[in-house]
Amino acid sequence: VPGEGHAHVFVNDVKISRAYGPYYHLPKLEPGEH
């Protein structure tokens, strides 16, 4: 359906999850740049 769907969330080029709404809580990140 044009204009609807979901998001894919990546950390350092690795897909970690889908997001089904505008807010998403990322898992704990290791120290460093991401």
All heavy atoms as atom14 arrays in JSON, in Angstrom:
{
  "sequence": "VPGEGHAHVFVNDVKISRAYGPYYHLPKLEPGEH",
  "atom14_mask": [
    [1, 1, 1, 1, 1, 1, 1, 0, 0, 0, 0, 0, 0, 0],
    [1, 1, 1, 1, 1, 1, 1, 0, 0, 0, 0, 0, 0, 0],
    [1, 1, 1, 1, 0, 0, 0, 0, 0, 0, 0, 0, 0, 0],
    [1, 1, 1, 1, 1, 1, 1, 1, 1, 0, 0, 0, 0, 0],
    [1, 1, 1, 1, 0, 0, 0, 0, 0, 0, 0, 0, 0, 0],
    [1, 1, 1, 1, 1, 1, 1, 1, 1, 1, 0, 0, 0, 0],
    [1, 1, 1, 1, 1, 0, 0, 0, 0, 0, 0, 0, 0, 0],
    [1, 1, 1, 1, 1, 1, 1, 1, 1, 1, 0, 0, 0, 0],
    [1, 1, 1, 1, 1, 1, 1, 0, 0, 0, 0, 0, 0, 0],
    [1, 1, 1, 1, 1, 1, 1, 1, 1, 1, 1, 0, 0, 0],
    [1, 1, 1, 1, 1, 1, 1, 0, 0, 0, 0, 0, 0, 0],
    [1, 1, 1, 1, 1, 1, 1, 1, 0, 0, 0, 0, 0, 0],
    [1, 1, 1, 1, 1, 1, 1, 1, 0, 0, 0, 0, 0, 0],
    [1, 1, 1, 1, 1, 1, 1, 0, 0, 0, 0, 0, 0, 0],
    [1, 1, 1, 1, 1, 1, 1, 1, 1, 0, 0, 0, 0, 0],
    [1, 1, 1, 1, 1, 1, 1, 1, 0, 0, 0, 0, 0, 0],
    [1, 1, 1, 1, 1, 1, 0, 0, 0, 0, 0, 0, 0, 0],
    [1, 1, 1, 1, 1, 1, 1, 1, 1, 1, 1, 0, 0, 0],
    [1, 1, 1, 1, 1, 0, 0, 0, 0, 0, 0, 0, 0, 0],
    [1, 1, 1, 1, 1, 1, 1, 1, 1, 1, 1, 1, 0, 0],
    [1, 1, 1, 1, 0, 0, 0, 0, 0, 0, 0, 0, 0, 0],
    [1, 1, 1, 1, 1, 1, 1, 0, 0, 0, 0, 0, 0, 0],
    [1, 1, 1, 1, 1, 1, 1, 1, 1, 1, 1, 1, 0, 0],
    [1, 1, 1, 1, 1, 1, 1, 1, 1, 1, 1, 1, 0, 0],
    [1, 1, 1, 1, 1, 1, 1, 1, 1, 1, 0, 0, 0, 0],
    [1, 1, 1, 1, 1, 1, 1, 1, 0, 0, 0, 0, 0, 0],
    [1, 1, 1, 1, 1, 1, 1, 0, 0, 0, 0, 0, 0, 0],
    [1, 1, 1, 1, 1, 1, 1, 1, 1, 0, 0, 0, 0, 0],
    [1, 1, 1, 1, 1, 1, 1, 1, 0, 0, 0, 0, 0, 0],
    [1, 1, 1, 1, 1, 1, 1, 1, 1, 0, 0, 0, 0, 0],
    [1, 1, 1, 1, 1, 1, 1, 0, 0, 0, 0, 0, 0, 0],
    [1, 1, 1, 1, 0, 0, 0, 0, 0, 0, 0, 0, 0, 0],
    [1, 1, 1, 1, 1, 1, 1, 1, 1, 0, 0, 0, 0, 0],
    [1, 1, 1, 1, 1, 1, 1, 1, 1, 1, 0, 0, 0, 0]
  ],
  "atom14_positions": [
    [[0.89, -1.16, 0.0], [0.0, 0.0, 0.0], [0.93, 1.21, 0.0], [1.73, 1.37, 0.93], [-0.92, 0.02, 1.24], [-1.74, 1.3, 1.27], [-1.8, -1.21, 1.28], [0.0, 0.0, 0.0], [0.0, 0.0, 0.0], [0.0, 0.0, 0.0], [0.0, 0.0, 0.0], [0.0, 0.0, 0.0], [0.0, 0.0, 0.0], [0.0, 0.0, 0.0]],
    [[0.89, 2.05, -1.04], [1.8, 3.18, -1.11], [1.78, 4.05, 0.15], [0.72, 4.38, 0.66], [1.3, 3.97, -2.32], [0.62, 2.94, -3.17], [-0.02, 1.99, -2.19], [0.0, 0.0, 0.0], [0.0, 0.0, 0.0], [0.0, 0.0, 0.0], [0.0, 0.0, 0.0], [0.0, 0.0, 0.0], [0.0, 0.0, 0.0], [0.0, 0.0, 0.0]],
    [[2.98, 4.34, 0.66], [3.12, 5.24, 1.79], [2.99, 4.6, 3.15], [2.98, 5.3, 4.15], [0.0, 0.0, 0.0], [0.0, 0.0, 0.0], [0.0, 0.0, 0.0], [0.0, 0.0, 0.0], [0.0, 0.0, 0.0], [0.0, 0.0, 0.0], [0.0, 0.0, 0.0], [0.0, 0.0, 0.0], [0.0, 0.0, 0.0], [0.0, 0.0, 0.0]],
    [[2.88, 3.27, 3.21], [2.83, 2.63, 4.52], [3.8, 1.47, 4.6], [4.25, 0.96, 3.58], [1.41, 2.19, 4.9], [0.9, 0.98, 4.19], [-0.45, 0.51, 4.74], [-1.31, 1.35, 5.09], [-0.63, -0.7, 4.83], [0.0, 0.0, 0.0], [0.0, 0.0, 0.0], [0.0, 0.0, 0.0], [0.0, 0.0, 0.0], [0.0, 0.0, 0.0]],
    [[4.14, 1.07, 5.82], [5.07, -0.03, 6.01], [5.7, 0.0, 7.38], [5.06, 0.32, 8.38], [0.0, 0.0, 0.0], [0.0, 0.0, 0.0], [0.0, 0.0, 0.0], [0.0, 0.0, 0.0], [0.0, 0.0, 0.0], [0.0, 0.0, 0.0], [0.0, 0.0, 0.0], [0.0, 0.0, 0.0], [0.0, 0.0, 0.0], [0.0, 0.0, 0.0]],
    [[7.0, -0.28, 7.42], [7.75, -0.35, 8.66], [9.2, 0.06, 8.36], [9.53, 0.35, 7.22], [7.71, -1.77, 9.24], [8.27, -2.8, 8.33], [7.59, -3.29, 7.22], [9.46, -3.43, 8.32], [8.34, -4.18, 6.59], [9.49, -4.28, 7.24], [0.0, 0.0, 0.0], [0.0, 0.0, 0.0], [0.0, 0.0, 0.0], [0.0, 0.0, 0.0]],
    [[10.04, 0.07, 9.38], [11.44, 0.45, 9.19], [12.33, -0.74, 9.54], [11.95, -1.62, 10.32], [11.79, 1.64, 10.08], [0.0, 0.0, 0.0], [0.0, 0.0, 0.0], [0.0, 0.0, 0.0], [0.0, 0.0, 0.0], [0.0, 0.0, 0.0], [0.0, 0.0, 0.0], [0.0, 0.0, 0.0], [0.0, 0.0, 0.0], [0.0, 0.0, 0.0]],
    [[13.52, -0.77, 8.94], [14.56, -1.72, 9.32], [15.65, -0.92, 10.02], [16.05, 0.15, 9.54], [15.12, -2.46, 8.12], [14.17, -3.44, 7.52], [14.48, -4.19, 6.41], [12.9, -3.81, 7.87], [13.46, -4.98, 6.11], [12.49, -4.76, 6.98], [0.0, 0.0, 0.0], [0.0, 0.0, 0.0], [0.0, 0.0, 0.0], [0.0, 0.0, 0.0]],
    [[16.14, -1.43, 11.15], [17.14, -0.73, 11.95], [18.45, -1.5, 11.88], [18.47, -2.73, 12.1], [16.67, -0.61, 13.43], [17.73, 0.1, 14.27], [15.33, 0.11, 13.51], [0.0, 0.0, 0.0], [0.0, 0.0, 0.0], [0.0, 0.0, 0.0], [0.0, 0.0, 0.0], [0.0, 0.0, 0.0], [0.0, 0.0, 0.0], [0.0, 0.0, 0.0]],
    [[19.52, -0.8, 11.56], [20.85, -1.38, 11.42], [21.82, -0.71, 12.4], [21.72, 0.5, 12.63], [21.4, -1.16, 10.01], [20.58, -1.77, 8.91], [19.42, -1.16, 8.46], [20.98, -2.96, 8.32], [18.67, -1.72, 7.43], [20.24, -3.52, 7.3], [19.08, -2.9, 6.85], [0.0, 0.0, 0.0], [0.0, 0.0, 0.0], [0.0, 0.0, 0.0]],
    [[22.74, -1.48, 12.95], [23.85, -0.93, 13.73], [25.12, -1.43, 13.06], [25.32, -2.65, 12.92], [23.79, -1.38, 15.21], [25.03, -0.88, 15.95], [22.52, -0.86, 15.88], [0.0, 0.0, 0.0], [0.0, 0.0, 0.0], [0.0, 0.0, 0.0], [0.0, 0.0, 0.0], [0.0, 0.0, 0.0], [0.0, 0.0, 0.0], [0.0, 0.0, 0.0]],
    [[25.95, -0.51, 12.62], [27.21, -0.84, 11.94], [26.97, -1.81, 10.78], [27.64, -2.82, 10.64], [28.22, -1.41, 12.93], [28.56, -0.42, 14.01], [28.58, 0.79, 13.79], [28.8, -0.9, 15.21], [0.0, 0.0, 0.0], [0.0, 0.0, 0.0], [0.0, 0.0, 0.0], [0.0, 0.0, 0.0], [0.0, 0.0, 0.0], [0.0, 0.0, 0.0]],
    [[25.97, -1.49, 9.95], [25.63, -2.24, 8.74], [25.04, -3.63, 9.0], [24.92, -4.42, 8.08], [26.82, -2.36, 7.79], [27.23, -1.01, 7.22], [26.34, -0.19, 6.94], [28.45, -0.77, 7.08], [0.0, 0.0, 0.0], [0.0, 0.0, 0.0], [0.0, 0.0, 0.0], [0.0, 0.0, 0.0], [0.0, 0.0, 0.0], [0.0, 0.0, 0.0]],
    [[24.67, -3.94, 10.24], [24.05, -5.23, 10.57], [22.6, -4.96, 10.97], [22.36, -4.18, 11.9], [24.8, -5.94, 11.72], [24.08, -7.22, 12.13], [26.24, -6.23, 11.32], [0.0, 0.0, 0.0], [0.0, 0.0, 0.0], [0.0, 0.0, 0.0], [0.0, 0.0, 0.0], [0.0, 0.0, 0.0], [0.0, 0.0, 0.0], [0.0, 0.0, 0.0]],
    [[21.66, -5.59, 10.26], [20.25, -5.41, 10.61], [19.99, -6.05, 11.97], [20.28, -7.23, 12.17], [19.35, -6.05, 9.55], [17.88, -5.88, 9.83], [17.05, -6.54, 8.75], [15.6, -6.62, 9.17], [14.82, -7.4, 8.21], [0.0, 0.0, 0.0], [0.0, 0.0, 0.0], [0.0, 0.0, 0.0], [0.0, 0.0, 0.0], [0.0, 0.0, 0.0]],
    [[19.46, -5.26, 12.89], [19.2, -5.79, 14.22], [17.71, -6.01, 14.49], [17.35, -6.79, 15.37], [19.82, -4.92, 15.33], [19.22, -3.51, 15.3], [21.33, -4.89, 15.23], [19.51, -2.72, 16.55], [0.0, 0.0, 0.0], [0.0, 0.0, 0.0], [0.0, 0.0, 0.0], [0.0, 0.0, 0.0], [0.0, 0.0, 0.0], [0.0, 0.0, 0.0]],
    [[16.84, -5.28, 13.76], [15.42, -5.42, 14.05], [14.58, -4.64, 13.04], [15.11, -3.93, 12.2], [15.13, -4.89, 15.45], [13.82, -5.21, 15.85], [0.0, 0.0, 0.0], [0.0, 0.0, 0.0], [0.0, 0.0, 0.0], [0.0, 0.0, 0.0], [0.0, 0.0, 0.0], [0.0, 0.0, 0.0], [0.0, 0.0, 0.0], [0.0, 0.0, 0.0]],
    [[13.28, -4.78, 13.2], [12.31, -3.95, 12.51], [11.74, -2.97, 13.53], [11.68, -3.27, 14.72], [11.14, -4.78, 11.97], [11.52, -5.8, 10.96], [10.27, -6.59, 10.58], [10.63, -7.75, 9.78], [9.9, -8.84, 9.72], [8.77, -8.94, 10.41], [10.28, -9.85, 8.97], [0.0, 0.0, 0.0], [0.0, 0.0, 0.0], [0.0, 0.0, 0.0]],
    [[11.3, -1.82, 13.05], [10.59, -0.86, 13.9], [9.2, -0.68, 13.32], [9.04, -0.43, 12.12], [11.33, 0.48, 13.94], [0.0, 0.0, 0.0], [0.0, 0.0, 0.0], [0.0, 0.0, 0.0], [0.0, 0.0, 0.0], [0.0, 0.0, 0.0], [0.0, 0.0, 0.0], [0.0, 0.0, 0.0], [0.0, 0.0, 0.0], [0.0, 0.0, 0.0]],
    [[8.19, -0.83, 14.16], [6.8, -0.75, 13.73], [6.15, 0.56, 14.12], [4.94, 0.73, 13.97], [6.0, -1.92, 14.31], [6.5, -3.26, 13.81], [7.06, -4.17, 14.69], [6.43, -3.6, 12.47], [7.52, -5.4, 14.24], [6.89, -4.82, 12.0], [7.42, -5.72, 12.89], [7.88, -6.93, 12.44], [0.0, 0.0, 0.0], [0.0, 0.0, 0.0]],
    [[6.93, 1.48, 14.63], [6.44, 2.79, 15.01], [7.58, 3.77, 15.04], [8.74, 3.4, 14.79], [0.0, 0.0, 0.0], [0.0, 0.0, 0.0], [0.0, 0.0, 0.0], [0.0, 0.0, 0.0], [0.0, 0.0, 0.0], [0.0, 0.0, 0.0], [0.0, 0.0, 0.0], [0.0, 0.0, 0.0], [0.0, 0.0, 0.0], [0.0, 0.0, 0.0]],
    [[7.31, 5.03, 15.35], [8.35, 6.06, 15.27], [9.37, 6.03, 16.39], [10.37, 6.75, 16.32], [7.56, 7.36, 15.28], [6.29, 7.03, 15.99], [5.99, 5.59, 15.65], [0.0, 0.0, 0.0], [0.0, 0.0, 0.0], [0.0, 0.0, 0.0], [0.0, 0.0, 0.0], [0.0, 0.0, 0.0], [0.0, 0.0, 0.0], [0.0, 0.0, 0.0]],
    [[9.16, 5.22, 17.42], [10.13, 5.15, 18.52], [10.67, 3.73, 18.63], [9.92, 2.76, 18.52], [9.51, 5.58, 19.85], [9.13, 7.04, 19.85], [7.86, 7.44, 19.5], [10.08, 8.01, 20.18], [7.51, 8.78, 19.48], [9.74, 9.35, 20.16], [8.46, 9.73, 19.81], [8.13, 11.06, 19.78], [0.0, 0.0, 0.0], [0.0, 0.0, 0.0]],
    [[11.98, 3.64, 18.84], [12.62, 2.33, 18.95], [13.73, 2.43, 20.0], [14.52, 3.38, 19.98], [13.22, 1.9, 17.6], [13.87, 0.56, 17.65], [13.12, -0.6, 17.58], [15.25, 0.44, 17.81], [13.72, -1.85, 17.66], [15.85, -0.8, 17.89], [15.08, -1.94, 17.81], [15.66, -3.17, 17.89], [0.0, 0.0, 0.0], [0.0, 0.0, 0.0]],
    [[13.79, 1.46, 20.91], [14.84, 1.44, 21.93], [15.96, 0.52, 21.46], [15.75, -0.68, 21.29], [14.27, 0.96, 23.27], [15.24, 1.09, 24.38], [15.49, 2.3, 25.01], [16.05, 0.2, 24.97], [16.4, 2.13, 25.94], [16.76, 0.86, 25.94], [0.0, 0.0, 0.0], [0.0, 0.0, 0.0], [0.0, 0.0, 0.0], [0.0, 0.0, 0.0]],
    [[17.13, 1.08, 21.24], [18.29, 0.3, 20.81], [18.86, -0.5, 21.97], [18.87, -0.02, 23.11], [19.38, 1.22, 20.26], [19.09, 1.91, 18.95], [20.07, 3.04, 18.72], [19.13, 0.92, 17.8], [0.0, 0.0, 0.0], [0.0, 0.0, 0.0], [0.0, 0.0, 0.0], [0.0, 0.0, 0.0], [0.0, 0.0, 0.0], [0.0, 0.0, 0.0]],
    [[19.37, -1.7, 21.69], [20.03, -2.46, 22.76], [21.34, -1.79, 23.17], [21.83, -0.89, 22.49], [20.29, -3.82, 22.12], [20.34, -3.54, 20.66], [19.4, -2.39, 20.42], [0.0, 0.0, 0.0], [0.0, 0.0, 0.0], [0.0, 0.0, 0.0], [0.0, 0.0, 0.0], [0.0, 0.0, 0.0], [0.0, 0.0, 0.0], [0.0, 0.0, 0.0]],
    [[21.9, -2.25, 24.27], [23.15, -1.68, 24.78], [24.24, -1.77, 23.73], [24.44, -2.81, 23.1], [23.59, -2.4, 26.05], [24.81, -1.78, 26.66], [25.13, -2.34, 28.01], [26.38, -1.65, 28.51], [26.37, -1.43, 29.91], [0.0, 0.0, 0.0], [0.0, 0.0, 0.0], [0.0, 0.0, 0.0], [0.0, 0.0, 0.0], [0.0, 0.0, 0.0]],
    [[24.95, -0.67, 23.55], [26.06, -0.6, 22.6], [27.38, -0.73, 23.35], [27.53, -0.25, 24.46], [26.02, 0.73, 21.85], [24.77, 1.01, 21.02], [24.82, 2.42, 20.46], [24.61, -0.01, 19.91], [0.0, 0.0, 0.0], [0.0, 0.0, 0.0], [0.0, 0.0, 0.0], [0.0, 0.0, 0.0], [0.0, 0.0, 0.0], [0.0, 0.0, 0.0]],
    [[28.32, -1.39, 22.71], [29.67, -1.49, 23.26], [30.34, -0.12, 23.18], [29.97, 0.7, 22.33], [30.49, -2.51, 22.47], [29.96, -3.93, 22.58], [30.03, -4.48, 24.0], [31.03, -4.19, 24.69], [29.09, -5.17, 24.41], [0.0, 0.0, 0.0], [0.0, 0.0, 0.0], [0.0, 0.0, 0.0], [0.0, 0.0, 0.0], [0.0, 0.0, 0.0]],
    [[31.31, 0.17, 24.04], [32.02, 1.44, 23.94], [32.62, 1.62, 22.54], [33.06, 0.66, 21.92], [33.13, 1.3, 24.99], [32.59, 0.32, 25.98], [31.79, -0.65, 25.15], [0.0, 0.0, 0.0], [0.0, 0.0, 0.0], [0.0, 0.0, 0.0], [0.0, 0.0, 0.0], [0.0, 0.0, 0.0], [0.0, 0.0, 0.0], [0.0, 0.0, 0.0]],
    [[32.58, 2.84, 22.05], [33.14, 3.17, 20.75], [32.12, 3.85, 19.86], [31.04, 4.23, 20.29], [0.0, 0.0, 0.0], [0.0, 0.0, 0.0], [0.0, 0.0, 0.0], [0.0, 0.0, 0.0], [0.0, 0.0, 0.0], [0.0, 0.0, 0.0], [0.0, 0.0, 0.0], [0.0, 0.0, 0.0], [0.0, 0.0, 0.0], [0.0, 0.0, 0.0]],
    [[32.48, 3.99, 18.6], [31.65, 4.69, 17.62], [30.75, 3.68, 16.9], [31.19, 2.59, 16.54], [32.56, 5.39, 16.61], [31.85, 6.37, 15.73], [32.83, 7.17, 14.89], [33.34, 8.19, 15.4], [33.09, 6.75, 13.75], [0.0, 0.0, 0.0], [0.0, 0.0, 0.0], [0.0, 0.0, 0.0], [0.0, 0.0, 0.0], [0.0, 0.0, 0.0]],
    [[29.49, 4.05, 16.7], [28.51, 3.18, 16.05], [27.69, 3.99, 15.06], [27.27, 5.1, 15.37], [27.56, 2.55, 17.07], [28.28, 1.74, 18.11], [28.69, 0.45, 17.89], [28.67, 2.07, 19.36], [29.29, 0.01, 18.97], [29.31, 0.97, 19.87], [0.0, 0.0, 0.0], [0.0, 0.0, 0.0], [0.0, 0.0, 0.0], [0.0, 0.0, 0.0]]
  ]
}
